[in-house]
Protein backbone atom coordinates (compact mmCIF):
# COMPACT_ATOMS: atom_id res chain seq x y z
CA MET A 1 -22.85 57.90 -0.94
CA PHE A 2 -20.22 55.34 -1.96
CA GLN A 3 -18.60 55.72 1.49
CA ASN A 4 -21.93 54.91 3.23
CA VAL A 5 -22.27 51.70 1.20
CA LEU A 6 -18.74 50.61 2.22
CA ASN A 7 -19.45 51.35 5.89
CA GLY A 8 -22.71 49.37 5.72
CA LYS A 9 -20.90 46.35 4.23
CA ARG A 10 -18.21 46.55 6.92
CA HIS A 11 -20.82 46.63 9.67
CA ARG A 12 -22.67 43.65 8.21
CA ALA A 13 -19.41 41.71 7.87
CA PHE A 14 -18.49 42.60 11.45
CA TYR A 15 -21.87 41.44 12.79
CA ARG A 16 -21.67 38.22 10.77
CA LEU A 17 -18.24 37.56 12.24
CA LEU A 18 -19.51 38.19 15.79
CA PHE A 19 -22.51 35.92 15.18
CA PHE A 20 -20.24 33.16 13.83
CA LEU A 21 -17.77 33.45 16.75
CA PHE A 22 -20.58 33.40 19.29
CA PHE A 23 -22.02 30.14 17.98
CA MET A 24 -18.61 28.54 17.50
CA SER A 25 -17.76 29.20 21.15
CA CYS A 26 -20.83 27.35 22.47
CA GLU A 27 -20.07 23.85 23.74
CA THR A 28 -22.53 21.59 22.02
CA GLY A 29 -20.43 18.55 21.22
CA PRO A 30 -18.33 16.17 23.24
CA LEU A 31 -15.07 17.13 24.92
CA MET A 32 -12.30 15.09 23.27
CA LEU A 33 -9.76 13.81 25.78
CA THR A 34 -7.35 11.25 24.31
CA ASP A 35 -7.67 8.50 21.71
CA TYR A 36 -11.46 8.02 21.44
CA TYR A 37 -12.30 8.91 25.05
CA ARG A 38 -14.93 11.65 25.14
CA VAL A 39 -17.00 13.49 27.74
CA TYR A 40 -20.52 13.99 26.43
CA PRO A 41 -22.99 16.61 27.66
CA PRO A 42 -26.21 15.53 29.39
CA ASP A 43 -28.57 13.69 27.06
CA GLU A 44 -30.79 10.60 26.96
CA PHE A 45 -27.74 8.26 27.06
CA GLY A 46 -26.18 9.42 30.34
CA ASP A 47 -26.86 10.95 33.73
CA GLY A 48 -25.24 14.40 33.60
CA TYR A 49 -21.92 14.72 31.81
CA TYR A 50 -20.47 11.29 31.13
CA LEU A 51 -17.16 9.76 30.05
CA VAL A 52 -17.25 7.00 27.47
CA CYS A 53 -15.20 5.63 24.60
CA LYS A 54 -16.65 6.71 21.26
CA LEU A 55 -15.99 3.23 19.84
CA SER A 56 -18.10 1.55 22.56
CA CYS A 57 -16.14 -1.67 22.90
CA LYS A 58 -17.16 -4.28 25.45
CA GLY A 59 -15.54 -3.60 28.82
CA ASP A 60 -14.75 0.06 28.12
CA VAL A 61 -15.14 2.57 30.93
CA LYS A 62 -18.33 4.64 31.38
CA ILE A 63 -18.54 7.17 34.21
CA GLU A 64 -21.68 9.27 34.59
CA ASN A 65 -22.55 12.42 36.50
CA ILE A 66 -19.13 14.09 36.18
CA LYS A 67 -18.29 17.23 38.15
CA SER A 68 -14.70 17.68 36.92
CA ILE A 69 -12.10 15.82 34.93
CA ARG A 70 -8.30 15.92 34.66
CA TRP A 71 -6.48 14.06 31.93
CA SER A 72 -3.45 13.36 29.80
CA ASP A 73 -2.79 10.58 27.31
CA ARG A 74 -1.69 8.37 30.25
CA ILE A 75 -4.39 8.95 32.89
CA ILE A 76 -7.93 10.26 33.37
CA ILE A 77 -9.04 11.42 36.83
CA VAL A 78 -12.78 11.99 37.32
CA GLU A 79 -14.57 13.69 40.20
CA LYS A 80 -18.24 12.74 40.26
CA SER A 81 -21.10 15.02 41.25
CA SER A 82 -22.53 13.46 44.36
CA ASN A 83 -23.10 14.13 48.05
CA GLU A 84 -20.12 11.93 48.86
CA GLU A 85 -16.52 12.62 47.80
CA GLU A 86 -16.17 10.25 44.88
CA TRP A 87 -13.23 10.06 42.46
CA TYR A 88 -12.30 7.55 39.76
CA ILE A 89 -9.08 6.98 37.84
CA VAL A 90 -8.76 5.41 34.40
CA VAL A 91 -5.31 3.86 33.92
CA PRO A 92 -3.97 2.35 30.70
CA LYS A 93 -3.26 -1.31 30.15
CA GLY A 94 -0.18 -0.27 28.14
CA ASP A 95 1.78 2.98 27.95
CA LYS A 96 -1.13 5.18 26.87
CA LEU A 97 -4.90 5.18 27.21
CA MET A 98 -6.64 3.51 24.28
CA CYS A 99 -10.26 2.62 23.75
CA CYS A 100 -10.97 -1.08 23.24
CA ASN A 101 -7.75 -1.88 25.12
CA ARG A 102 -9.32 -2.88 28.45
CA ASP A 103 -8.00 0.14 30.35
CA SER A 104 -8.66 -0.18 34.09
CA LEU A 105 -11.05 1.81 36.26
CA VAL A 106 -9.96 2.41 39.87
CA GLY A 107 -12.47 3.75 42.37
CA PRO A 108 -14.48 5.05 44.03
CA LEU A 109 -11.69 6.89 45.86
CA SER A 110 -11.37 9.91 48.12
CA GLU A 111 -9.26 12.87 46.98
CA GLY A 112 -6.53 11.78 49.42
CA GLU A 113 -6.54 8.27 47.95
CA VAL A 114 -6.19 9.78 44.46
CA MET A 115 -3.11 11.73 45.61
CA ARG A 116 -1.60 8.61 47.19
CA PHE A 117 -2.36 6.60 44.03
CA LEU A 118 -0.57 9.18 41.90
CA GLY A 119 2.44 9.26 44.21
CA SER A 120 5.04 12.00 44.41
CA ASP A 121 6.26 11.57 40.82
CA ASN A 122 2.90 12.58 39.29
CA ASP A 123 2.05 16.28 39.29
CA MET A 124 -1.67 16.96 38.84
CA SER A 125 -0.86 20.51 37.67
CA LEU A 126 0.47 19.01 34.42
CA LEU A 127 -2.94 17.55 33.57
CA LYS A 128 -5.58 19.30 31.48
CA VAL A 129 -8.64 20.25 33.54
CA LYS A 130 -12.32 20.78 32.77
CA ILE A 131 -14.95 21.62 35.39
CA PHE A 132 -18.58 21.11 34.40
CA GLU A 133 -21.34 23.33 35.69
CA LYS A 134 -24.70 21.87 36.63
CA LYS A 135 -27.44 22.81 34.22
């Protein structure tokens, strides 16, 4: 009988752990990129997934309707969801991207223009990548 009680507790603990892991793996919050740059899921403040600085300073970048994003602490490359090929690049005013620092937005660009902008010394494979699915 004592063995059955132990097995029952183990099963309950196992199912609690699975339940916890399942809900922790769901993406409900923003994707944190660098500094205070975030990609937020669709809501009443943006059209589709959107990139914005959490601090919301005047002149900060906001890009809506994101299909995919590539980033490091020095560059953010955004592909928008649209019928046309449309890419944007966020470049820092200084050495690294920082909210409220008047980072520059370049675009709309084609994928070829993005590659030319990056030049041969920038390898896109070194950037982190996130592709968003349409909901």
